[in-house]
Amino acid sequence: MPDQDRDGERIVTGSDGSAWYTTDHYGTFHRIR
C-alpha cells in the first residue's frame, strides 16, 4: 500500500521446498517447513 511502512516479517522459500520465517527482515530465520 502506498505511504505505509512495511514490517520485518517475511516468509522465504527454497528450491528444495523448505520455508523459512523471519520477523527481523532477514536477520534471523526459523524453519517452518
PDB file of N, CA and C in Angstrom:
ATOM      1  N   MET A   1       0.837  -1.171   0.000  1.00  0.00           N
ATOM      2  CA  MET A   1       0.000   0.000   0.000  1.00  0.00           C
ATOM      3  C   MET A   1       0.888   1.241   0.000  1.00  0.00           C
ATOM      4  N   PRO A   2       0.559   2.199  -0.770  1.00  0.00           N
ATOM      5  CA  PRO A   2       1.374   3.416  -0.819  1.00  0.00           C
ATOM      6  C   PRO A   2       1.425   4.119   0.534  1.00  0.00           C
ATOM      7  N   ASP A   3       2.569   4.718   0.825  1.00  0.00           N
ATOM      8  CA  ASP A   3       2.752   5.514   2.044  1.00  0.00           C
ATOM      9  C   ASP A   3       2.527   4.728   3.327  1.00  0.00           C
ATOM     10  N   GLN A   4       2.822   3.438   3.309  1.00  0.00           N
ATOM     11  CA  GLN A   4       2.649   2.626   4.507  1.00  0.00           C
ATOM     12  C   GLN A   4       3.941   1.853   4.755  1.00  0.00           C
ATOM     13  N   ASP A   5       4.447   1.925   5.986  1.00  0.00           N
ATOM     14  CA  ASP A   5       5.673   1.209   6.333  1.00  0.00           C
ATOM     15  C   ASP A   5       5.434  -0.292   6.324  1.00  0.00           C
ATOM     16  N   ARG A   6       6.452  -1.026   5.866  1.00  0.00           N
ATOM     17  CA  ARG A   6       6.396  -2.485   5.905  1.00  0.00           C
ATOM     18  C   ARG A   6       7.163  -2.954   7.122  1.00  0.00           C
ATOM     19  N   ASP A   7       6.672  -3.995   7.766  1.00  0.00           N
ATOM     20  CA  ASP A   7       7.394  -4.535   8.912  1.00  0.00           C
ATOM     21  C   ASP A   7       8.455  -5.521   8.438  1.00  0.00           C
ATOM     22  N   GLY A   8       9.136  -6.168   9.364  1.00  0.00           N
ATOM     23  CA  GLY A   8      10.230  -7.063   9.020  1.00  0.00           C
ATOM     24  C   GLY A   8       9.839  -8.504   8.798  1.00  0.00           C
ATOM     25  N   GLU A   9       8.552  -8.830   8.863  1.00  0.00           N
ATOM     26  CA  GLU A   9       8.130 -10.221   8.704  1.00  0.00           C
ATOM     27  C   GLU A   9       8.214 -10.658   7.244  1.00  0.00           C
ATOM     28  N   ARG A  10       8.808 -11.829   7.042  1.00  0.00           N
ATOM     29  CA  ARG A  10       8.926 -12.394   5.699  1.00  0.00           C
ATOM     30  C   ARG A  10       8.844 -13.911   5.791  1.00  0.00           C
ATOM     31  N   ILE A  11       8.371 -14.527   4.718  1.00  0.00           N
ATOM     32  CA  ILE A  11       8.487 -15.968   4.522  1.00  0.00           C
ATOM     33  C   ILE A  11       9.292 -16.150   3.248  1.00  0.00           C
ATOM     34  N   VAL A  12      10.340 -16.947   3.353  1.00  0.00           N
ATOM     35  CA  VAL A  12      11.232 -17.192   2.228  1.00  0.00           C
ATOM     36  C   VAL A  12      11.171 -18.677   1.916  1.00  0.00           C
ATOM     37  N   THR A  13      11.071 -19.025   0.638  1.00  0.00           N
ATOM     38  CA  THR A  13      11.031 -20.432   0.249  1.00  0.00           C
ATOM     39  C   THR A  13      12.275 -20.786  -0.553  1.00  0.00           C
ATOM     40  N   GLY A  14      12.723 -22.031  -0.357  1.00  0.00           N
ATOM     41  CA  GLY A  14      13.889 -22.523  -1.064  1.00  0.00           C
ATOM     42  C   GLY A  14      13.498 -23.428  -2.218  1.00  0.00           C
ATOM     43  N   SER A  15      14.424 -23.652  -3.118  1.00  0.00           N
ATOM     44  CA  SER A  15      14.163 -24.505  -4.280  1.00  0.00           C
ATOM     45  C   SER A  15      13.944 -25.961  -3.882  1.00  0.00           C
ATOM     46  N   ASP A  16      14.347 -26.325  -2.655  1.00  0.00           N
ATOM     47  CA  ASP A  16      14.162 -27.694  -2.168  1.00  0.00           C
ATOM     48  C   ASP A  16      12.835 -27.880  -1.435  1.00  0.00           C
ATOM     49  N   GLY A  17      11.976 -26.858  -1.442  1.00  0.00           N
ATOM     50  CA  GLY A  17      10.682 -26.951  -0.782  1.00  0.00           C
ATOM     51  C   GLY A  17      10.689 -26.463   0.656  1.00  0.00           C
ATOM     52  N   SER A  18      11.852 -26.062   1.152  1.00  0.00           N
ATOM     53  CA  SER A  18      11.920 -25.549   2.521  1.00  0.00           C
ATOM     54  C   SER A  18      11.256 -24.176   2.597  1.00  0.00           C
ATOM     55  N   ALA A  19      10.828 -23.814   3.796  1.00  0.00           N
ATOM     56  CA  ALA A  19      10.236 -22.497   4.018  1.00  0.00           C
ATOM     57  C   ALA A  19      10.775 -21.946   5.327  1.00  0.00           C
ATOM     58  N   TRP A  20      11.118 -20.684   5.323  1.00  0.00           N
ATOM     59  CA  TRP A  20      11.734 -20.024   6.465  1.00  0.00           C
ATOM     60  C   TRP A  20      10.970 -18.751   6.785  1.00  0.00           C
ATOM     61  N   TYR A  21      10.868 -18.446   8.087  1.00  0.00           N
ATOM     62  CA  TYR A  21      10.143 -17.271   8.560  1.00  0.00           C
ATOM     63  C   TYR A  21      11.105 -16.349   9.295  1.00  0.00           C
ATOM     64  N   THR A  22      11.034 -15.067   9.031  1.00  0.00           N
ATOM     65  CA  THR A  22      11.843 -14.084   9.746  1.00  0.00           C
ATOM     66  C   THR A  22      10.963 -12.937  10.223  1.00  0.00           C
ATOM     67  N   THR A  23      11.239 -12.456  11.409  1.00  0.00           N
ATOM     68  CA  THR A  23      10.496 -11.313  11.951  1.00  0.00           C
ATOM     69  C   THR A  23      11.336 -10.041  11.926  1.00  0.00           C
ATOM     70  N   ASP A  24      12.624 -10.177  11.587  1.00  0.00           N
ATOM     71  CA  ASP A  24      13.522  -9.023  11.655  1.00  0.00           C
ATOM     72  C   ASP A  24      14.213  -8.736  10.322  1.00  0.00           C
ATOM     73  N   HIS A  25      13.481  -8.889   9.247  1.00  0.00           N
ATOM     74  CA  HIS A  25      13.956  -8.555   7.894  1.00  0.00           C
ATOM     75  C   HIS A  25      15.277  -9.236   7.579  1.00  0.00           C
ATOM     76  N   TYR A  26      15.290 -10.559   7.673  1.00  0.00           N
ATOM     77  CA  TYR A  26      16.401 -11.412   7.274  1.00  0.00           C
ATOM     78  C   TYR A  26      17.551 -11.471   8.273  1.00  0.00           C
ATOM     79  N   GLY A  27      17.377 -10.946   9.477  1.00  0.00           N
ATOM     80  CA  GLY A  27      18.431 -11.042  10.493  1.00  0.00           C
ATOM     81  C   GLY A  27      18.545 -12.451  11.050  1.00  0.00           C
ATOM     82  N   THR A  28      17.410 -13.077  11.352  1.00  0.00           N
ATOM     83  CA  THR A  28      17.366 -14.456  11.836  1.00  0.00           C
ATOM     84  C   THR A  28      16.218 -15.181  11.143  1.00  0.00           C
ATOM     85  N   PHE A  29      16.361 -16.491  11.035  1.00  0.00           N
ATOM     86  CA  PHE A  29      15.350 -17.301  10.363  1.00  0.00           C
ATOM     87  C   PHE A  29      14.907 -18.449  11.253  1.00  0.00           C
ATOM     88  N   HIS A  30      13.662 -18.863  11.091  1.00  0.00           N
ATOM     89  CA  HIS A  30      13.106 -20.036  11.759  1.00  0.00           C
ATOM     90  C   HIS A  30      12.522 -20.919  10.667  1.00  0.00           C
ATOM     91  N   ARG A  31      12.983 -22.172  10.625  1.00  0.00           N
ATOM     92  CA  ARG A  31      12.476 -23.077   9.593  1.00  0.00           C
ATOM     93  C   ARG A  31      11.050 -23.486   9.928  1.00  0.00           C
ATOM     94  N   ILE A  32      10.143 -23.354   8.971  1.00  0.00           N
ATOM     95  CA  ILE A  32       8.747 -23.724   9.196  1.00  0.00           C
ATOM     96  C   ILE A  32       8.317 -24.891   8.319  1.00  0.00           C
ATOM     97  N   ARG A  33       9.151 -25.270   7.364  1.00  0.00           N
ATOM     98  CA  ARG A  33       8.868 -26.459   6.548  1.00  0.00           C
ATOM     99  C   ARG A  33      10.157 -26.950   5.947  1.00  0.00           C
TER     100      ARG A  33
END
